[in-house]
Amino acid sequence: MSWQDKYIRDYSIFIRLEKSLSVNSQDAYLSDLSKFFQFLEMKYPGLTPADCSLEELRKFVQWISESGLSAVSQARVVSSIRGFYKFLKLEGIVEKNPASLLETPQSGRKLPDILTALEIEQIISAIDLSHDYGYRNKAIIEILYGCGLRVSELTGLLISNINFKYQYLRIIGKGNKERLVPLGSHALNSIKTYISLYRLKGKIQDGYEDFVFLNRFGKHLSRVMIFNIVKSCAENANIKKSISPHTFRHSFASHLVEGGADLRAVQELLGHESILTTEIYTHLNREFLVDTIIRFHPRSNA
């Protein structure tokens, strides 16, 4: 067995069993690792990852940059290499981790589109409650915005994972990582109304009894259906922005940060593995920052 195959085998076992990463994440990590091995074979024949220094790793980052990968993809590759070297250090294969000082390329990431609080109120108010699905759709919007869920977390939400007494959701997010998300009063009341009065009106298919949001066939809603519901709700409210379920997650996080929430708390609520992902929501508007200085800085007033 070559050293490449051995590293791939051992690391794949580690990220599957120890890190509990999803299949897609495992594939991405191993693909990035293959790029690194390809680079070593081309540029440094005979050199193994255990022999690499920070200099070789930096040249690898330069190599993937010159290959045409986007800045976002480059950042992901660097993250994968960092994770791989943490594994090598944990296993005692390397004494020092050269990847700990490896810089992440600037992603140039666009700030996500968000909705204002008024626009969200307009969307909710425009939902037609004259039919039963209106209450389901209202609960969907309230949960997306009030809890900041990913669309996959929403479609997989179970009644058994809702604590109505203490007002929180138990969410199984990316990599099967569990987090608790508080339920605000609007979201709580909407989901209570939908479940108690409207959800049971149709026949529920076997195996779907615990899913919160159901379609007219008694099965859980698909991702596509959630996208269509969100788009329809926005159009009914005459909102011209390009809106997806993720827009409500962005709005949830942005409004928390703008309101002064601790970034670590927002990271926990969103289920982000890295605080760097959450930092995108620190794009506070200028008026808010100016107001903060005027109100709290001791030398801001004459």
C-alpha atoms as a PDB file:
ATOM      1  CA  MET A   1       0.000   0.000   0.000  1.00  0.00           C
ATOM      2  CA  SER A   2       1.377   3.418  -0.983  1.00  0.00           C
ATOM      3  CA  TRP A   3       1.692   6.190   1.601  1.00  0.00           C
ATOM      4  CA  GLN A   4      -1.053   8.083  -0.246  1.00  0.00           C
ATOM      5  CA  ASP A   5      -3.512   5.178   0.056  1.00  0.00           C
ATOM      6  CA  LYS A   6      -2.638   4.684   3.730  1.00  0.00           C
ATOM      7  CA  TYR A   7      -3.213   8.335   4.565  1.00  0.00           C
ATOM      8  CA  ILE A   8      -6.504   8.391   2.653  1.00  0.00           C
ATOM      9  CA  ARG A   9      -7.702   5.210   4.373  1.00  0.00           C
ATOM     10  CA  ASP A  10      -6.769   6.284   7.906  1.00  0.00           C
ATOM     11  CA  TYR A  11      -8.045   9.833   7.529  1.00  0.00           C
ATOM     12  CA  SER A  12     -11.328   8.733   5.966  1.00  0.00           C
ATOM     13  CA  ILE A  13     -11.939   6.450   8.956  1.00  0.00           C
ATOM     14  CA  PHE A  14     -11.148   9.318  11.319  1.00  0.00           C
ATOM     15  CA  ILE A  15     -13.493  11.869   9.740  1.00  0.00           C
ATOM     16  CA  ARG A  16     -16.271   9.305   9.403  1.00  0.00           C
ATOM     17  CA  LEU A  17     -16.138   7.835  12.892  1.00  0.00           C
ATOM     18  CA  GLU A  18     -14.509  10.516  15.050  1.00  0.00           C
ATOM     19  CA  LYS A  19     -15.725  13.690  13.343  1.00  0.00           C
ATOM     20  CA  SER A  20     -19.095  12.274  12.214  1.00  0.00           C
ATOM     21  CA  LEU A  21     -18.971  14.303   9.012  1.00  0.00           C
ATOM     22  CA  SER A  22     -21.666  13.924   6.385  1.00  0.00           C
ATOM     23  CA  VAL A  23     -20.905  11.890   3.261  1.00  0.00           C
ATOM     24  CA  ASN A  24     -20.652  15.078   1.178  1.00  0.00           C
ATOM     25  CA  SER A  25     -18.213  16.634   3.646  1.00  0.00           C
ATOM     26  CA  GLN A  26     -16.118  13.464   3.725  1.00  0.00           C
ATOM     27  CA  ASP A  27     -15.918  13.448  -0.073  1.00  0.00           C
ATOM     28  CA  ALA A  28     -14.890  17.133  -0.108  1.00  0.00           C
ATOM     29  CA  TYR A  29     -12.145  16.609   2.505  1.00  0.00           C
ATOM     30  CA  LEU A  30     -10.723  13.588   0.702  1.00  0.00           C
ATOM     31  CA  SER A  31     -10.867  15.351  -2.665  1.00  0.00           C
ATOM     32  CA  ASP A  32      -8.878  18.268  -1.216  1.00  0.00           C
ATOM     33  CA  LEU A  33      -6.386  15.831   0.257  1.00  0.00           C
ATOM     34  CA  SER A  34      -5.952  14.194  -3.147  1.00  0.00           C
ATOM     35  CA  LYS A  35      -5.090  17.607  -4.604  1.00  0.00           C
ATOM     36  CA  PHE A  36      -2.410  18.011  -1.935  1.00  0.00           C
ATOM     37  CA  PHE A  37      -0.942  14.576  -2.670  1.00  0.00           C
ATOM     38  CA  GLN A  38      -0.969  15.338  -6.399  1.00  0.00           C
ATOM     39  CA  PHE A  39       0.958  18.543  -5.725  1.00  0.00           C
ATOM     40  CA  LEU A  40       3.589  16.714  -3.653  1.00  0.00           C
ATOM     41  CA  GLU A  41       4.080  14.063  -6.333  1.00  0.00           C
ATOM     42  CA  MET A  42       4.529  16.714  -9.027  1.00  0.00           C
ATOM     43  CA  LYS A  43       6.675  19.239  -7.154  1.00  0.00           C
ATOM     44  CA  TYR A  44       8.398  17.226  -4.403  1.00  0.00           C
ATOM     45  CA  PRO A  45       8.672  13.548  -5.427  1.00  0.00           C
ATOM     46  CA  GLY A  46       9.350  11.357  -2.425  1.00  0.00           C
ATOM     47  CA  LEU A  47       8.195  13.957   0.105  1.00  0.00           C
ATOM     48  CA  THR A  48       5.357  12.796   2.375  1.00  0.00           C
ATOM     49  CA  PRO A  49       2.964  15.028   4.347  1.00  0.00           C
ATOM     50  CA  ALA A  50       4.884  14.172   7.522  1.00  0.00           C
ATOM     51  CA  ASP A  51       8.006  15.729   5.977  1.00  0.00           C
ATOM     52  CA  CYS A  52       6.374  18.966   4.829  1.00  0.00           C
ATOM     53  CA  SER A  53       7.102  22.347   6.336  1.00  0.00           C
ATOM     54  CA  LEU A  54       5.051  25.538   6.246  1.00  0.00           C
ATOM     55  CA  GLU A  55       6.989  26.557   3.127  1.00  0.00           C
ATOM     56  CA  GLU A  56       5.724  23.560   1.113  1.00  0.00           C
ATOM     57  CA  LEU A  57       2.181  24.139   2.345  1.00  0.00           C
ATOM     58  CA  ARG A  58       2.305  27.779   1.283  1.00  0.00           C
ATOM     59  CA  LYS A  59       3.556  26.748  -2.154  1.00  0.00           C
ATOM     60  CA  PHE A  60       0.643  24.298  -2.347  1.00  0.00           C
ATOM     61  CA  VAL A  61      -1.807  27.138  -1.612  1.00  0.00           C
ATOM     62  CA  GLN A  62      -0.136  29.199  -4.337  1.00  0.00           C
ATOM     63  CA  TRP A  63      -0.426  26.223  -6.702  1.00  0.00           C
ATOM     64  CA  ILE A  64      -4.177  25.784  -6.186  1.00  0.00           C
ATOM     65  CA  SER A  65      -4.614  29.537  -6.578  1.00  0.00           C
ATOM     66  CA  GLU A  66      -2.842  29.429  -9.948  1.00  0.00           C
ATOM     67  CA  SER A  67      -4.957  26.437 -10.995  1.00  0.00           C
ATOM     68  CA  GLY A  68      -8.004  28.701 -11.216  1.00  0.00           C
ATOM     69  CA  LEU A  69      -9.928  27.645  -8.115  1.00  0.00           C
ATOM     70  CA  SER A  70     -12.152  30.375  -6.696  1.00  0.00           C
ATOM     71  CA  ALA A  71     -11.121  32.064  -3.457  1.00  0.00           C
ATOM     72  CA  VAL A  72     -13.955  30.313  -1.633  1.00  0.00           C
ATOM     73  CA  SER A  73     -12.798  26.897  -2.904  1.00  0.00           C
ATOM     74  CA  GLN A  74      -9.206  27.738  -1.979  1.00  0.00           C
ATOM     75  CA  ALA A  75     -10.316  28.596   1.558  1.00  0.00           C
ATOM     76  CA  ARG A  76     -12.080  25.246   1.804  1.00  0.00           C
ATOM     77  CA  VAL A  77      -8.956  23.392   0.655  1.00  0.00           C
ATOM     78  CA  VAL A  78      -6.844  25.200   3.270  1.00  0.00           C
ATOM     79  CA  SER A  79      -9.401  24.269   5.925  1.00  0.00           C
ATOM     80  CA  SER A  80      -9.174  20.622   4.802  1.00  0.00           C
ATOM     81  CA  ILE A  81      -5.366  20.648   5.022  1.00  0.00           C
ATOM     82  CA  ARG A  82      -5.514  22.172   8.491  1.00  0.00           C
ATOM     83  CA  GLY A  83      -7.894  19.418   9.583  1.00  0.00           C
ATOM     84  CA  PHE A  84      -5.646  16.763   8.073  1.00  0.00           C
ATOM     85  CA  TYR A  85      -2.577  18.021   9.942  1.00  0.00           C
ATOM     86  CA  LYS A  86      -4.518  18.169  13.212  1.00  0.00           C
ATOM     87  CA  PHE A  87      -5.220  14.476  12.611  1.00  0.00           C
ATOM     88  CA  LEU A  88      -1.514  13.775  11.943  1.00  0.00           C
ATOM     89  CA  LYS A  89      -0.536  15.508  15.174  1.00  0.00           C
ATOM     90  CA  LEU A  90      -3.245  13.680  17.119  1.00  0.00           C
ATOM     91  CA  GLU A  91      -1.927  10.374  15.778  1.00  0.00           C
ATOM     92  CA  GLY A  92       1.664  11.287  16.639  1.00  0.00           C
ATOM     93  CA  ILE A  93       2.742  11.224  12.997  1.00  0.00           C
ATOM     94  CA  VAL A  94       4.045  14.801  13.227  1.00  0.00           C
ATOM     95  CA  GLU A  95       5.396  16.574  16.316  1.00  0.00           C
ATOM     96  CA  LYS A  96       4.546  20.076  15.125  1.00  0.00           C
ATOM     97  CA  ASN A  97       1.633  21.197  12.997  1.00  0.00           C
ATOM     98  CA  PRO A  98       2.970  23.333  10.106  1.00  0.00           C
ATOM     99  CA  ALA A  99      -0.589  24.042   8.893  1.00  0.00           C
ATOM    100  CA  SER A 100      -1.451  25.985  12.058  1.00  0.00           C
ATOM    101  CA  LEU A 101       0.207  29.072  10.525  1.00  0.00           C
ATOM    102  CA  LEU A 102      -1.219  28.561   7.045  1.00  0.00           C
ATOM    103  CA  GLU A 103      -3.145  31.652   5.950  1.00  0.00           C
ATOM    104  CA  THR A 104      -6.614  31.365   4.433  1.00  0.00           C
ATOM    105  CA  PRO A 105      -7.008  33.207   1.093  1.00  0.00           C
ATOM    106  CA  GLN A 106      -9.354  36.176   1.187  1.00  0.00           C
ATOM    107  CA  SER A 107     -12.623  34.891  -0.176  1.00  0.00           C
ATOM    108  CA  GLY A 108     -14.054  38.153  -1.396  1.00  0.00           C
ATOM    109  CA  ARG A 109     -17.341  36.672  -0.339  1.00  0.00           C
ATOM    110  CA  LYS A 110     -20.427  38.730  -1.119  1.00  0.00           C
ATOM    111  CA  LEU A 111     -22.524  39.765   1.815  1.00  0.00           C
ATOM    112  CA  PRO A 112     -25.768  37.804   1.744  1.00  0.00           C
ATOM    113  CA  ASP A 113     -29.009  39.517   0.855  1.00  0.00           C
ATOM    114  CA  ILE A 114     -31.177  40.086   3.901  1.00  0.00           C
ATOM    115  CA  LEU A 115     -34.707  41.218   4.578  1.00  0.00           C
ATOM    116  CA  THR A 116     -35.592  44.060   6.879  1.00  0.00           C
ATOM    117  CA  ALA A 117     -37.839  43.396   9.862  1.00  0.00           C
ATOM    118  CA  LEU A 118     -40.581  45.328   8.056  1.00  0.00           C
ATOM    119  CA  GLU A 119     -40.253  43.186   4.920  1.00  0.00           C
ATOM    120  CA  ILE A 120     -40.530  40.035   6.993  1.00  0.00           C
ATOM    121  CA  GLU A 121     -43.684  41.401   8.644  1.00  0.00           C
ATOM    122  CA  GLN A 122     -45.072  42.167   5.186  1.00  0.00           C
ATOM    123  CA  ILE A 123     -44.391  38.596   4.018  1.00  0.00           C
ATOM    124  CA  ILE A 124     -46.067  37.059   7.061  1.00  0.00           C
ATOM    125  CA  SER A 125     -49.048  39.430   6.874  1.00  0.00           C
ATOM    126  CA  ALA A 126     -49.588  38.614   3.191  1.00  0.00           C
ATOM    127  CA  ILE A 127     -49.940  34.858   3.808  1.00  0.00           C
ATOM    128  CA  ASP A 128     -53.459  33.712   2.955  1.00  0.00           C
ATOM    129  CA  LEU A 129     -54.905  32.094   6.091  1.00  0.00           C
ATOM    130  CA  SER A 130     -58.230  31.306   4.434  1.00  0.00           C
ATOM    131  CA  HIS A 131     -56.984  27.803   3.637  1.00  0.00           C
ATOM    132  CA  ASP A 132     -55.316  25.287   5.930  1.00  0.00           C
ATOM    133  CA  TYR A 133     -51.925  25.413   4.215  1.00  0.00           C
ATOM    134  CA  GLY A 134     -51.727  29.104   5.035  1.00  0.00           C
ATOM    135  CA  TYR A 135     -51.115  28.279   8.688  1.00  0.00           C
ATOM    136  CA  ARG A 136     -48.470  25.741   7.710  1.00  0.00           C
ATOM    137  CA  ASN A 137     -46.735  28.285   5.490  1.00  0.00           C
ATOM    138  CA  LYS A 138     -46.876  30.936   8.217  1.00  0.00           C
ATOM    139  CA  ALA A 139     -45.256  28.509  10.661  1.00  0.00           C
ATOM    140  CA  ILE A 140     -42.550  27.749   8.082  1.00  0.00           C
ATOM    141  CA  ILE A 141     -41.655  31.437   7.671  1.00  0.00           C
ATOM    142  CA  GLU A 142     -41.766  32.062  11.421  1.00  0.00           C
ATOM    143  CA  ILE A 143     -39.434  29.110  12.092  1.00  0.00           C
ATOM    144  CA  LEU A 144     -37.009  30.009   9.283  1.00  0.00           C
ATOM    145  CA  TYR A 145     -36.684  33.581  10.526  1.00  0.00           C
ATOM    146  CA  GLY A 146     -37.238  33.033  14.244  1.00  0.00           C
ATOM    147  CA  CYS A 147     -34.792  30.137  14.568  1.00  0.00           C
ATOM    148  CA  GLY A 148     -32.373  30.582  11.655  1.00  0.00           C
ATOM    149  CA  LEU A 149     -32.697  27.005  10.433  1.00  0.00           C
ATOM    150  CA  ARG A 150     -31.187  25.584   7.284  1.00  0.00           C
ATOM    151  CA  VAL A 151     -33.789  24.326   4.828  1.00  0.00           C
ATOM    152  CA  SER A 152     -32.659  20.717   5.401  1.00  0.00           C
ATOM    153  CA  GLU A 153     -33.137  21.209   9.153  1.00  0.00           C
ATOM    154  CA  LEU A 154     -36.629  22.541   8.543  1.00  0.00           C
ATOM    155  CA  THR A 155     -37.734  19.672   6.303  1.00  0.00           C
ATOM    156  CA  GLY A 156     -36.351  17.165   8.820  1.00  0.00           C
ATOM    157  CA  LEU A 157     -37.862  18.842  11.900  1.00  0.00           C
ATOM    158  CA  LEU A 158     -39.666  16.350  14.147  1.00  0.00           C
ATOM    159  CA  ILE A 159     -42.459  16.978  16.627  1.00  0.00           C
ATOM    160  CA  SER A 160     -40.539  14.866  19.142  1.00  0.00           C
ATOM    161  CA  ASN A 161     -37.678  17.367  18.915  1.00  0.00           C
ATOM    162  CA  ILE A 162     -39.843  20.325  19.956  1.00  0.00           C
ATOM    163  CA  ASN A 163     -39.918  21.153  23.655  1.00  0.00           C
ATOM    164  CA  PHE A 164     -43.090  23.216  23.999  1.00  0.00           C
ATOM    165  CA  LYS A 165     -42.730  23.643  27.749  1.00  0.00           C
ATOM    166  CA  TYR A 166     -39.251  25.160  27.709  1.00  0.00           C
ATOM    167  CA  GLN A 167     -39.579  26.602  24.193  1.00  0.00           C
ATOM    168  CA  TYR A 168     -36.689  25.198  22.202  1.00  0.00           C
ATOM    169  CA  LEU A 169     -35.959  22.985  19.201  1.00  0.00           C
ATOM    170  CA  ARG A 170     -33.490  20.126  19.177  1.00  0.00           C
ATOM    171  CA  ILE A 171     -31.771  20.391  15.803  1.00  0.00           C
ATOM    172  CA  ILE A 172     -29.528  17.810  14.157  1.00  0.00           C
ATOM    173  CA  GLY A 173     -27.395  19.902  11.805  1.00  0.00           C
ATOM    174  CA  LYS A 174     -24.440  19.321   9.511  1.00  0.00           C
ATOM    175  CA  GLY A 175     -22.250  16.390  10.450  1.00  0.00           C
ATOM    176  CA  ASN A 176     -25.030  15.093  12.753  1.00  0.00           C
ATOM    177  CA  LYS A 177     -24.110  17.789  15.268  1.00  0.00           C
ATOM    178  CA  GLU A 178     -26.826  18.586  17.748  1.00  0.00           C
ATOM    179  CA  ARG A 179     -27.776  22.036  18.976  1.00  0.00           C
ATOM    180  CA  LEU A 180     -30.647  23.593  20.909  1.00  0.00           C
ATOM    181  CA  VAL A 181     -32.389  26.607  19.393  1.00  0.00           C
ATOM    182  CA  PRO A 182     -34.823  28.718  21.435  1.00  0.00           C
ATOM    183  CA  LEU A 183     -38.354  29.224  20.097  1.00  0.00           C
ATOM    184  CA  GLY A 184     -39.554  32.818  20.219  1.00  0.00           C
ATOM    185  CA  SER A 185     -43.196  33.509  21.032  1.00  0.00           C
ATOM    186  CA  HIS A 186     -44.267  34.165  17.417  1.00  0.00           C
ATOM    187  CA  ALA A 187     -42.645  30.984  16.124  1.00  0.00           C
ATOM    188  CA  LEU A 188     -43.958  28.983  19.084  1.00  0.00           C
ATOM    189  CA  ASN A 189     -47.553  30.175  18.640  1.00  0.00           C
ATOM    190  CA  SER A 190     -47.492  29.588  14.884  1.00  0.00           C
ATOM    191  CA  ILE A 191     -46.204  26.042  15.153  1.00  0.00           C
ATOM    192  CA  LYS A 192     -48.642  25.240  17.978  1.00  0.00           C
ATOM    193  CA  THR A 193     -51.569  26.501  15.921  1.00  0.00           C
ATOM    194  CA  TYR A 194     -50.514  24.568  12.828  1.00  0.00           C
ATOM    195  CA  ILE A 195     -49.859  21.284  14.653  1.00  0.00           C
ATOM    196  CA  SER A 196     -52.950  21.339  16.892  1.00  0.00           C
ATOM    197  CA  LEU A 197     -55.550  22.642  14.426  1.00  0.00           C
ATOM    198  CA  TYR A 198     -54.464  21.999  10.838  1.00  0.00           C
ATOM    199  CA  ARG A 199     -51.741  19.362  10.534  1.00  0.00           C
ATOM    200  CA  LEU A 200     -54.017  16.419  11.380  1.00  0.00           C
ATOM    201  CA  LYS A 201     -56.754  17.286   8.865  1.00  0.00           C
ATOM    202  CA  GLY A 202     -55.203  15.177   6.119  1.00  0.00           C
ATOM    203  CA  LYS A 203     -54.140  11.542   6.103  1.00  0.00           C
ATOM    204  CA  ILE A 204     -50.546  11.093   7.270  1.00  0.00           C
ATOM    205  CA  GLN A 205     -48.551   8.382   5.514  1.00  0.00           C
ATOM    206  CA  ASP A 206     -46.866   5.654   7.528  1.00  0.00           C
ATOM    207  CA  GLY A 207     -43.375   6.681   8.620  1.00  0.00           C
ATOM    208  CA  TYR A 208     -44.129  10.419   8.509  1.00  0.00           C
ATOM    209  CA  GLU A 209     -46.132  10.752  11.728  1.00  0.00           C
ATOM    210  CA  ASP A 210     -43.360  12.621  13.555  1.00  0.00           C
ATOM    211  CA  PHE A 211     -42.487  15.124  10.816  1.00  0.00           C
ATOM    212  CA  VAL A 212     -43.762  18.626  11.531  1.00  0.00           C
ATOM    213  CA  PHE A 213     -44.320  19.991   8.035  1.00  0.00           C
ATOM    214  CA  LEU A 214     -46.336  17.797   5.671  1.00  0.00           C
ATOM    215  CA  ASN A 215     -47.554  18.105   2.090  1.00  0.00           C
ATOM    216  CA  ARG A 216     -51.043  17.270   0.841  1.00  0.00           C
ATOM    217  CA  PHE A 217     -50.023  13.631   0.420  1.00  0.00           C
ATOM    218  CA  GLY A 218     -49.160  13.272   4.106  1.00  0.00           C
ATOM    219  CA  LYS A 219     -45.388  13.182   3.574  1.00  0.00           C
ATOM    220  CA  HIS A 220     -42.708  15.618   4.696  1.00  0.00           C
ATOM    221  CA  LEU A 221     -42.060  18.633   2.495  1.00  0.00           C
ATOM    222  CA  SER A 222     -39.150  18.551   0.071  1.00  0.00           C
ATOM    223  CA  ARG A 223     -36.479  21.246  -0.236  1.00  0.00           C
ATOM    224  CA  VAL A 224     -37.971  22.312  -3.572  1.00  0.00           C
ATOM    225  CA  MET A 225     -41.403  22.736  -2.007  1.00  0.00           C
ATOM    226  CA  ILE A 226     -39.959  24.965   0.742  1.00  0.00           C
ATOM    227  CA  PHE A 227     -38.260  27.104  -1.916  1.00  0.00           C
ATOM    228  CA  ASN A 228     -41.562  27.406  -3.805  1.00  0.00           C
ATOM    229  CA  ILE A 229     -43.486  28.340  -0.645  1.00  0.00           C
ATOM    230  CA  VAL A 230     -40.967  31.024   0.284  1.00  0.00           C
ATOM    231  CA  LYS A 231     -40.931  32.452  -3.250  1.00  0.00           C
ATOM    232  CA  SER A 232     -44.725  32.530  -3.394  1.00  0.00           C
ATOM    233  CA  CYS A 233     -45.003  34.240   0.007  1.00  0.00           C
ATOM    234  CA  ALA A 234     -42.515  36.925  -1.064  1.00  0.00           C
ATOM    235  CA  GLU A 235     -44.333  37.545  -4.352  1.00  0.00           C
ATOM    236  CA  ASN A 236     -47.673  37.882  -2.538  1.00  0.00           C
ATOM    237  CA  ALA A 237     -46.082  40.542  -0.316  1.00  0.00           C
ATOM    238  CA  ASN A 238     -44.716  42.324  -3.431  1.00  0.00           C
ATOM    239  CA  ILE A 239     -41.113  41.905  -2.221  1.00  0.00           C
ATOM    240  CA  LYS A 240     -38.833  42.371  -5.218  1.00  0.00           C
ATOM    241  CA  LYS A 241     -35.640  40.933  -3.711  1.00  0.00           C
ATOM    242  CA  SER A 242     -34.377  37.504  -4.768  1.00  0.00           C
ATOM    243  CA  ILE A 243     -35.428  35.391  -1.804  1.00  0.00           C
ATOM    244  CA  SER A 244     -34.732  31.794  -0.763  1.00  0.00           C
ATOM    245  CA  PRO A 245     -35.187  29.952   2.547  1.00  0.00           C
ATOM    246  CA  HIS A 246     -31.570  30.843   3.349  1.00  0.00           C
ATOM    247  CA  THR A 247     -32.468  34.548   3.136  1.00  0.00           C
ATOM    248  CA  PHE A 248     -34.409  34.164   6.377  1.00  0.00           C
ATOM    249  CA  ARG A 249     -31.440  32.459   8.038  1.00  0.00           C
ATOM    250  CA  HIS A 250     -29.198  35.348   6.921  1.00  0.00           C
ATOM    251  CA  SER A 251     -31.752  37.850   8.190  1.00  0.00           C
ATOM    252  CA  PHE A 252     -32.029  36.036  11.536  1.00  0.00           C
ATOM    253  CA  ALA A 253     -28.264  36.209  12.083  1.00  0.00           C
ATOM    254  CA  SER A 254     -27.816  39.733  10.761  1.00  0.00           C
ATOM    255  CA  HIS A 255     -30.589  41.162  12.910  1.00  0.00           C
ATOM    256  CA  LEU A 256     -29.146  39.489  16.005  1.00  0.00           C
ATOM    257  CA  VAL A 257     -25.680  40.915  15.362  1.00  0.00           C
ATOM    258  CA  GLU A 258     -27.035  44.362  14.561  1.00  0.00           C
ATOM    259  CA  GLY A 259     -28.988  44.235  17.811  1.00  0.00           C
ATOM    260  CA  GLY A 260     -25.779  43.627  19.762  1.00  0.00           C
ATOM    261  CA  ALA A 261     -25.827  39.839  20.173  1.00  0.00           C
ATOM    262  CA  ASP A 262     -22.539  38.141  21.031  1.00  0.00           C
ATOM    263  CA  LEU A 263     -20.990  36.601  17.922  1.00  0.00           C
ATOM    264  CA  ARG A 264     -20.219  33.343  19.735  1.00  0.00           C
ATOM    265  CA  ALA A 265     -23.880  33.010  20.707  1.00  0.00           C
ATOM    266  CA  VAL A 266     -24.936  33.587  17.088  1.00  0.00           C
ATOM    267  CA  GLN A 267     -22.395  30.977  15.986  1.00  0.00           C
ATOM    268  CA  GLU A 268     -23.963  28.466  18.386  1.00  0.00           C
ATOM    269  CA  LEU A 269     -27.501  29.273  17.248  1.00  0.00           C
ATOM    270  CA  LEU A 270     -26.579  28.848  13.576  1.00  0.00           C
ATOM    271  CA  GLY A 271     -24.577  25.677  14.149  1.00  0.00           C
ATOM    272  CA  HIS A 272     -21.441  27.065  12.495  1.00  0.00           C
ATOM    273  CA  GLU A 273     -18.317  25.014  13.152  1.00  0.00           C
ATOM    274  CA  SER A 274     -16.068  28.059  12.754  1.00  0.00           C
ATOM    275  CA  ILE A 275     -16.553  31.581  14.071  1.00  0.00           C
ATOM    276  CA  LEU A 276     -15.066  32.791  10.763  1.00  0.00           C
ATOM    277  CA  THR A 277     -18.260  31.738   9.000  1.00  0.00           C
ATOM    278  CA  THR A 278     -20.360  33.737  11.440  1.00  0.00           C
ATOM    279  CA  GLU A 279     -18.231  36.865  11.083  1.00  0.00           C
ATOM    280  CA  ILE A 280     -19.845  37.618   7.734  1.00  0.00           C
ATOM    281  CA  TYR A 281     -22.811  38.943   9.723  1.00  0.00           C
ATOM    282  CA  THR A 282     -20.813  41.760  11.282  1.00  0.00           C
ATOM    283  CA  HIS A 283     -21.725  44.058   8.377  1.00  0.00           C
ATOM    284  CA  LEU A 284     -23.503  46.490  10.662  1.00  0.00           C
ATOM    285  CA  ASN A 285     -24.880  49.590   9.026  1.00  0.00           C
ATOM    286  CA  ARG A 286     -23.094  52.886   9.493  1.00  0.00           C
ATOM    287  CA  GLU A 287     -25.952  54.517  11.379  1.00  0.00           C
ATOM    288  CA  PHE A 288     -25.925  51.726  13.946  1.00  0.00           C
ATOM    289  CA  LEU A 289     -22.178  52.063  14.493  1.00  0.00           C
ATOM    290  CA  VAL A 290     -22.355  55.834  14.792  1.00  0.00           C
ATOM    291  CA  ASP A 291     -25.214  55.563  17.254  1.00  0.00           C
ATOM    292  CA  THR A 292     -23.240  53.014  19.303  1.00  0.00           C
ATOM    293  CA  ILE A 293     -20.257  55.367  19.603  1.00  0.00           C
ATOM    294  CA  ILE A 294     -22.454  58.347  20.514  1.00  0.00           C
ATOM    295  CA  ARG A 295     -24.268  56.396  23.205  1.00  0.00           C
ATOM    296  CA  PHE A 296     -21.402  54.502  24.791  1.00  0.00           C
ATOM    297  CA  HIS A 297     -18.022  56.111  24.132  1.00  0.00           C
ATOM    298  CA  PRO A 298     -16.997  58.428  27.017  1.00  0.00           C
ATOM    299  CA  ARG A 299     -15.539  61.083  24.688  1.00  0.00           C
ATOM    300  CA  SER A 300     -18.218  61.046  22.019  1.00  0.00           C
ATOM    301  CA  ASN A 301     -20.179  63.972  23.468  1.00  0.00           C
ATOM    302  CA  ALA A 302     -18.984  67.504  24.134  1.00  0.00           C
END
